[in-house]
Amino acid sequence: MEKISKFLKEVVAELRKVTWPSKDELIGSTIVTIVVSCIVALFIGVVDQILTYLISLIFGTGIGG
């Protein structure tokens, strides 16, 4: 029980040291994250379509095609 109490006190002490972002910083970071995620998703989608096309050219259209 003593170890748990010590652990929780240390957790609280560490959380007091944390610098939490302001509302503006949080909104800005969220927007950047969403935009970058969309760009990466678009890039991966385009690369997937190109590779799918190239593989279909090399191996044909598939079974029964």
Foldseek 3Di string as FASTA:
>chain_A
DVVVVVVVVVVVVVVVVDDDDDPVVVVVVVVVVVVVVVVVVVVVVVVVVVVVVVVCVVPNVDPPD
